[in-house]
Amino acid sequence: MPDQIQITVNGESRLISEGANIEDLLRELALPPGQVAIERNLDILPRSQWAATRIHASDRYEIVHFVGGG
């Protein structure tokens, strides 16, 4: 089993595999990538950087999920 690291997502502590990237995190959370915005350690994280951004222990994420409607 891969080593796990602790991060915070929307104020809640979570464990994720060491070496995971943002796309892995979204898959684990079952969130559609096209409908979220992500803040990492108080900085907006551009979608173009998600695949290359590795998650580190103690990172803090705020993920906003957009919901359509009318």
PDB file of N, CA and C in Angstrom:
ATOM      1  N   MET A   1       0.851  -1.173   0.000  1.00  0.00           N
ATOM      2  CA  MET A   1       0.000   0.000   0.000  1.00  0.00           C
ATOM      3  C   MET A   1       0.898   1.238   0.000  1.00  0.00           C
ATOM      4  N   PRO A   2       0.587   2.243  -0.842  1.00  0.00           N
ATOM      5  CA  PRO A   2       1.395   3.459  -0.866  1.00  0.00           C
ATOM      6  C   PRO A   2       1.279   4.207   0.462  1.00  0.00           C
ATOM      7  N   ASP A   3       2.313   4.967   0.773  1.00  0.00           N
ATOM      8  CA  ASP A   3       2.266   5.799   1.975  1.00  0.00           C
ATOM      9  C   ASP A   3       1.180   6.840   1.822  1.00  0.00           C
ATOM     10  N   GLN A   4       0.574   7.188   2.941  1.00  0.00           N
ATOM     11  CA  GLN A   4      -0.493   8.179   2.962  1.00  0.00           C
ATOM     12  C   GLN A   4       0.028   9.461   3.606  1.00  0.00           C
ATOM     13  N   ILE A   5      -0.455  10.601   3.126  1.00  0.00           N
ATOM     14  CA  ILE A   5      -0.137  11.887   3.731  1.00  0.00           C
ATOM     15  C   ILE A   5      -1.444  12.558   4.135  1.00  0.00           C
ATOM     16  N   GLN A   6      -1.355  13.433   5.111  1.00  0.00           N
ATOM     17  CA  GLN A   6      -2.541  14.129   5.596  1.00  0.00           C
ATOM     18  C   GLN A   6      -2.611  15.516   4.990  1.00  0.00           C
ATOM     19  N   ILE A   7      -3.805  15.854   4.476  1.00  0.00           N
ATOM     20  CA  ILE A   7      -4.081  17.171   3.931  1.00  0.00           C
ATOM     21  C   ILE A   7      -5.409  17.649   4.496  1.00  0.00           C
ATOM     22  N   THR A   8      -5.752  18.889   4.215  1.00  0.00           N
ATOM     23  CA  THR A   8      -7.049  19.427   4.634  1.00  0.00           C
ATOM     24  C   THR A   8      -7.802  19.857   3.387  1.00  0.00           C
ATOM     25  N   VAL A   9      -9.042  19.376   3.260  1.00  0.00           N
ATOM     26  CA  VAL A   9      -9.903  19.730   2.134  1.00  0.00           C
ATOM     27  C   VAL A   9     -11.192  20.314   2.695  1.00  0.00           C
ATOM     28  N   ASN A  10     -11.447  21.566   2.354  1.00  0.00           N
ATOM     29  CA  ASN A  10     -12.653  22.267   2.821  1.00  0.00           C
ATOM     30  C   ASN A  10     -12.822  22.132   4.336  1.00  0.00           C
ATOM     31  N   GLY A  11     -11.703  22.297   5.052  1.00  0.00           N
ATOM     32  CA  GLY A  11     -11.734  22.291   6.507  1.00  0.00           C
ATOM     33  C   GLY A  11     -11.701  20.922   7.162  1.00  0.00           C
ATOM     34  N   GLU A  12     -11.692  19.851   6.370  1.00  0.00           N
ATOM     35  CA  GLU A  12     -11.688  18.503   6.926  1.00  0.00           C
ATOM     36  C   GLU A  12     -10.378  17.792   6.615  1.00  0.00           C
ATOM     37  N   SER A  13      -9.854  17.108   7.610  1.00  0.00           N
ATOM     38  CA  SER A  13      -8.622  16.351   7.431  1.00  0.00           C
ATOM     39  C   SER A  13      -8.896  15.107   6.586  1.00  0.00           C
ATOM     40  N   ARG A  14      -7.971  14.821   5.649  1.00  0.00           N
ATOM     41  CA  ARG A  14      -8.103  13.651   4.769  1.00  0.00           C
ATOM     42  C   ARG A  14      -6.739  13.020   4.581  1.00  0.00           C
ATOM     43  N   LEU A  15      -6.741  11.749   4.249  1.00  0.00           N
ATOM     44  CA  LEU A  15      -5.520  11.059   3.862  1.00  0.00           C
ATOM     45  C   LEU A  15      -5.567  10.797   2.371  1.00  0.00           C
ATOM     46  N   ILE A  16      -4.412  10.956   1.717  1.00  0.00           N
ATOM     47  CA  ILE A  16      -4.310  10.681   0.291  1.00  0.00           C
ATOM     48  C   ILE A  16      -2.952  10.050   0.033  1.00  0.00           C
ATOM     49  N   SER A  17      -2.848   9.303  -1.026  1.00  0.00           N
ATOM     50  CA  SER A  17      -1.591   8.635  -1.359  1.00  0.00           C
ATOM     51  C   SER A  17      -0.490   9.639  -1.639  1.00  0.00           C
ATOM     52  N   GLU A  18       0.677   9.374  -1.078  1.00  0.00           N
ATOM     53  CA  GLU A  18       1.836  10.213  -1.356  1.00  0.00           C
ATOM     54  C   GLU A  18       2.123  10.174  -2.851  1.00  0.00           C
ATOM     55  N   GLY A  19       2.432  11.308  -3.441  1.00  0.00           N
ATOM     56  CA  GLY A  19       2.701  11.387  -4.874  1.00  0.00           C
ATOM     57  C   GLY A  19       1.480  11.685  -5.722  1.00  0.00           C
ATOM     58  N   ALA A  20       0.300  11.780  -5.080  1.00  0.00           N
ATOM     59  CA  ALA A  20      -0.930  12.086  -5.818  1.00  0.00           C
ATOM     60  C   ALA A  20      -0.884  13.518  -6.333  1.00  0.00           C
ATOM     61  N   ASN A  21      -1.618  13.764  -7.424  1.00  0.00           N
ATOM     62  CA  ASN A  21      -1.737  15.126  -7.939  1.00  0.00           C
ATOM     63  C   ASN A  21      -3.183  15.602  -7.760  1.00  0.00           C
ATOM     64  N   ILE A  22      -3.460  16.790  -8.231  1.00  0.00           N
ATOM     65  CA  ILE A  22      -4.796  17.371  -8.058  1.00  0.00           C
ATOM     66  C   ILE A  22      -5.861  16.545  -8.774  1.00  0.00           C
ATOM     67  N   GLU A  23      -5.561  16.047  -9.955  1.00  0.00           N
ATOM     68  CA  GLU A  23      -6.536  15.215 -10.675  1.00  0.00           C
ATOM     69  C   GLU A  23      -6.856  13.953  -9.886  1.00  0.00           C
ATOM     70  N   ASP A  24      -5.861  13.356  -9.230  1.00  0.00           N
ATOM     71  CA  ASP A  24      -6.101  12.183  -8.378  1.00  0.00           C
ATOM     72  C   ASP A  24      -7.035  12.534  -7.226  1.00  0.00           C
ATOM     73  N   LEU A  25      -6.807  13.698  -6.630  1.00  0.00           N
ATOM     74  CA  LEU A  25      -7.653  14.140  -5.520  1.00  0.00           C
ATOM     75  C   LEU A  25      -9.099  14.300  -5.976  1.00  0.00           C
ATOM     76  N   LEU A  26      -9.307  14.921  -7.121  1.00  0.00           N
ATOM     77  CA  LEU A  26     -10.673  15.102  -7.620  1.00  0.00           C
ATOM     78  C   LEU A  26     -11.344  13.764  -7.896  1.00  0.00           C
ATOM     79  N   ARG A  27     -10.591  12.808  -8.453  1.00  0.00           N
ATOM     80  CA  ARG A  27     -11.153  11.462  -8.675  1.00  0.00           C
ATOM     81  C   ARG A  27     -11.565  10.825  -7.353  1.00  0.00           C
ATOM     82  N   GLU A  28     -10.704  10.938  -6.345  1.00  0.00           N
ATOM     83  CA  GLU A  28     -11.014  10.356  -5.040  1.00  0.00           C
ATOM     84  C   GLU A  28     -12.249  10.991  -4.416  1.00  0.00           C
ATOM     85  N   LEU A  29     -12.426  12.284  -4.642  1.00  0.00           N
ATOM     86  CA  LEU A  29     -13.586  13.001  -4.110  1.00  0.00           C
ATOM     87  C   LEU A  29     -14.820  12.867  -4.990  1.00  0.00           C
ATOM     88  N   ALA A  30     -14.675  12.205  -6.139  1.00  0.00           N
ATOM     89  CA  ALA A  30     -15.770  12.027  -7.110  1.00  0.00           C
ATOM     90  C   ALA A  30     -16.333  13.373  -7.567  1.00  0.00           C
ATOM     91  N   LEU A  31     -15.429  14.323  -7.823  1.00  0.00           N
ATOM     92  CA  LEU A  31     -15.838  15.639  -8.314  1.00  0.00           C
ATOM     93  C   LEU A  31     -15.473  15.785  -9.778  1.00  0.00           C
ATOM     94  N   PRO A  32     -16.389  16.307 -10.585  1.00  0.00           N
ATOM     95  CA  PRO A  32     -16.107  16.499 -12.010  1.00  0.00           C
ATOM     96  C   PRO A  32     -15.140  17.662 -12.210  1.00  0.00           C
ATOM     97  N   PRO A  33     -14.008  17.429 -12.855  1.00  0.00           N
ATOM     98  CA  PRO A  33     -12.997  18.471 -13.006  1.00  0.00           C
ATOM     99  C   PRO A  33     -13.486  19.727 -13.704  1.00  0.00           C
ATOM    100  N   GLY A  34     -14.440  19.599 -14.589  1.00  0.00           N
ATOM    101  CA  GLY A  34     -14.926  20.760 -15.322  1.00  0.00           C
ATOM    102  C   GLY A  34     -15.836  21.667 -14.525  1.00  0.00           C
ATOM    103  N   GLN A  35     -16.174  21.265 -13.287  1.00  0.00           N
ATOM    104  CA  GLN A  35     -17.143  22.039 -12.515  1.00  0.00           C
ATOM    105  C   GLN A  35     -16.621  22.466 -11.153  1.00  0.00           C
ATOM    106  N   VAL A  36     -15.287  22.574 -11.017  1.00  0.00           N
ATOM    107  CA  VAL A  36     -14.732  22.982  -9.739  1.00  0.00           C
ATOM    108  C   VAL A  36     -13.667  24.062  -9.913  1.00  0.00           C
ATOM    109  N   ALA A  37     -13.463  24.809  -8.854  1.00  0.00           N
ATOM    110  CA  ALA A  37     -12.341  25.739  -8.735  1.00  0.00           C
ATOM    111  C   ALA A  37     -11.583  25.319  -7.483  1.00  0.00           C
ATOM    112  N   ILE A  38     -10.255  25.438  -7.527  1.00  0.00           N
ATOM    113  CA  ILE A  38      -9.433  24.948  -6.430  1.00  0.00           C
ATOM    114  C   ILE A  38      -8.494  26.045  -5.931  1.00  0.00           C
ATOM    115  N   GLU A  39      -8.473  26.170  -4.619  1.00  0.00           N
ATOM    116  CA  GLU A  39      -7.514  27.042  -3.946  1.00  0.00           C
ATOM    117  C   GLU A  39      -6.572  26.146  -3.152  1.00  0.00           C
ATOM    118  N   ARG A  40      -5.277  26.328  -3.355  1.00  0.00           N
ATOM    119  CA  ARG A  40      -4.270  25.539  -2.645  1.00  0.00           C
ATOM    120  C   ARG A  40      -3.429  26.473  -1.791  1.00  0.00           C
ATOM    121  N   ASN A  41      -3.467  26.252  -0.495  1.00  0.00           N
ATOM    122  CA  ASN A  41      -2.686  27.072   0.434  1.00  0.00           C
ATOM    123  C   ASN A  41      -2.897  28.567   0.183  1.00  0.00           C
ATOM    124  N   LEU A  42      -4.160  28.935   0.028  1.00  0.00           N
ATOM    125  CA  LEU A  42      -4.624  30.319  -0.138  1.00  0.00           C
ATOM    126  C   LEU A  42      -4.354  30.928  -1.510  1.00  0.00           C
ATOM    127  N   ASP A  43      -3.882  30.135  -2.470  1.00  0.00           N
ATOM    128  CA  ASP A  43      -3.666  30.613  -3.841  1.00  0.00           C
ATOM    129  C   ASP A  43      -4.559  29.841  -4.805  1.00  0.00           C
ATOM    130  N   ILE A  44      -5.194  30.564  -5.741  1.00  0.00           N
ATOM    131  CA  ILE A  44      -5.990  29.903  -6.775  1.00  0.00           C
ATOM    132  C   ILE A  44      -5.051  29.049  -7.621  1.00  0.00           C
ATOM    133  N   LEU A  45      -5.454  27.827  -7.892  1.00  0.00           N
ATOM    134  CA  LEU A  45      -4.637  26.910  -8.684  1.00  0.00           C
ATOM    135  C   LEU A  45      -5.245  26.781 -10.078  1.00  0.00           C
ATOM    136  N   PRO A  46      -4.575  27.311 -11.102  1.00  0.00           N
ATOM    137  CA  PRO A  46      -5.117  27.235 -12.462  1.00  0.00           C
ATOM    138  C   PRO A  46      -5.286  25.780 -12.928  1.00  0.00           C
ATOM    139  N   ARG A  47      -6.349  25.548 -13.644  1.00  0.00           N
ATOM    140  CA  ARG A  47      -6.655  24.203 -14.164  1.00  0.00           C
ATOM    141  C   ARG A  47      -5.478  23.639 -14.965  1.00  0.00           C
ATOM    142  N   SER A  48      -4.758  24.488 -15.672  1.00  0.00           N
ATOM    143  CA  SER A  48      -3.632  24.035 -16.492  1.00  0.00           C
ATOM    144  C   SER A  48      -2.498  23.433 -15.660  1.00  0.00           C
ATOM    145  N   GLN A  49      -2.507  23.659 -14.350  1.00  0.00           N
ATOM    146  CA  GLN A  49      -1.456  23.142 -13.474  1.00  0.00           C
ATOM    147  C   GLN A  49      -1.863  21.912 -12.676  1.00  0.00           C
ATOM    148  N   TRP A  50      -3.112  21.478 -12.781  1.00  0.00           N
ATOM    149  CA  TRP A  50      -3.599  20.380 -11.948  1.00  0.00           C
ATOM    150  C   TRP A  50      -2.815  19.087 -12.121  1.00  0.00           C
ATOM    151  N   ALA A  51      -2.543  18.694 -13.353  1.00  0.00           N
ATOM    152  CA  ALA A  51      -1.849  17.420 -13.589  1.00  0.00           C
ATOM    153  C   ALA A  51      -0.425  17.445 -13.050  1.00  0.00           C
ATOM    154  N   ALA A  52       0.211  18.597 -13.089  1.00  0.00           N
ATOM    155  CA  ALA A  52       1.612  18.706 -12.672  1.00  0.00           C
ATOM    156  C   ALA A  52       1.775  19.037 -11.188  1.00  0.00           C
ATOM    157  N   THR A  53       0.687  19.378 -10.512  1.00  0.00           N
ATOM    158  CA  THR A  53       0.780  19.794  -9.113  1.00  0.00           C
ATOM    159  C   THR A  53       0.655  18.591  -8.195  1.00  0.00           C
ATOM    160  N   ARG A  54       1.762  18.256  -7.544  1.00  0.00           N
ATOM    161  CA  ARG A  54       1.777  17.170  -6.564  1.00  0.00           C
ATOM    162  C   ARG A  54       1.261  17.687  -5.224  1.00  0.00           C
ATOM    163  N   ILE A  55       0.545  16.831  -4.535  1.00  0.00           N
ATOM    164  CA  ILE A  55       0.002  17.165  -3.228  1.00  0.00           C
ATOM    165  C   ILE A  55       1.057  16.854  -2.174  1.00  0.00           C
ATOM    166  N   HIS A  56       1.232  17.782  -1.247  1.00  0.00           N
ATOM    167  CA  HIS A  56       2.221  17.621  -0.177  1.00  0.00           C
ATOM    168  C   HIS A  56       1.523  17.559   1.180  1.00  0.00           C
ATOM    169  N   ALA A  57       2.166  16.884   2.119  1.00  0.00           N
ATOM    170  CA  ALA A  57       1.627  16.799   3.474  1.00  0.00           C
ATOM    171  C   ALA A  57       1.359  18.205   4.003  1.00  0.00           C
ATOM    172  N   SER A  58       0.267  18.342   4.670  1.00  0.00           N
ATOM    173  CA  SER A  58      -0.177  19.595   5.307  1.00  0.00           C
ATOM    174  C   SER A  58      -0.713  20.632   4.332  1.00  0.00           C
ATOM    175  N   ASP A  59      -0.822  20.319   3.033  1.00  0.00           N
ATOM    176  CA  ASP A  59      -1.484  21.242   2.107  1.00  0.00           C
ATOM    177  C   ASP A  59      -2.913  21.475   2.561  1.00  0.00           C
ATOM    178  N   ARG A  60      -3.413  22.666   2.266  1.00  0.00           N
ATOM    179  CA  ARG A  60      -4.805  23.026   2.573  1.00  0.00           C
ATOM    180  C   ARG A  60      -5.506  23.397   1.271  1.00  0.00           C
ATOM    181  N   TYR A  61      -6.629  22.739   1.004  1.00  0.00           N
ATOM    182  CA  TYR A  61      -7.380  22.958  -0.226  1.00  0.00           C
ATOM    183  C   TYR A  61      -8.791  23.412   0.091  1.00  0.00           C
ATOM    184  N   GLU A  62      -9.255  24.360  -0.686  1.00  0.00           N
ATOM    185  CA  GLU A  62     -10.663  24.733  -0.716  1.00  0.00           C
ATOM    186  C   GLU A  62     -11.127  24.437  -2.131  1.00  0.00           C
ATOM    187  N   ILE A  63     -12.146  23.606  -2.229  1.00  0.00           N
ATOM    188  CA  ILE A  63     -12.670  23.212  -3.529  1.00  0.00           C
ATOM    189  C   ILE A  63     -14.119  23.646  -3.619  1.00  0.00           C
ATOM    190  N   VAL A  64     -14.410  24.436  -4.635  1.00  0.00           N
ATOM    191  CA  VAL A  64     -15.778  24.932  -4.843  1.00  0.00           C
ATOM    192  C   VAL A  64     -16.336  24.192  -6.051  1.00  0.00           C
ATOM    193  N   HIS A  65     -17.497  23.587  -5.863  1.00  0.00           N
ATOM    194  CA  HIS A  65     -18.165  22.830  -6.923  1.00  0.00           C
ATOM    195  C   HIS A  65     -19.307  23.665  -7.466  1.00  0.00           C
ATOM    196  N   PHE A  66     -19.243  23.975  -8.758  1.00  0.00           N
ATOM    197  CA  PHE A  66     -20.286  24.778  -9.395  1.00  0.00           C
ATOM    198  C   PHE A  66     -21.481  23.909  -9.749  1.00  0.00           C
ATOM    199  N   VAL A  67     -22.663  24.411  -9.471  1.00  0.00           N
ATOM    200  CA  VAL A  67     -23.896  23.706  -9.788  1.00  0.00           C
ATOM    201  C   VAL A  67     -24.729  24.596 -10.682  1.00  0.00           C
ATOM    202  N   GLY A  68     -25.120  24.066 -11.825  1.00  0.00           N
ATOM    203  CA  GLY A  68     -25.936  24.839 -12.770  1.00  0.00           C
ATOM    204  C   GLY A  68     -27.398  24.796 -12.368  1.00  0.00           C
ATOM    205  N   GLY A  69     -28.119  25.683 -12.909  1.00  0.00           N
ATOM    206  CA  GLY A  69     -29.539  25.716 -12.628  1.00  0.00           C
ATOM    207  C   GLY A  69     -30.160  26.967 -13.213  1.00  0.00           C
ATOM    208  N   GLY A  70     -31.423  27.066 -13.104  1.00  0.00           N
ATOM    209  CA  GLY A  70     -32.030  28.249 -13.670  1.00  0.00           C
ATOM    210  C   GLY A  70     -33.349  28.426 -13.132  1.00  0.00           C
TER     211      GLY A  70
END
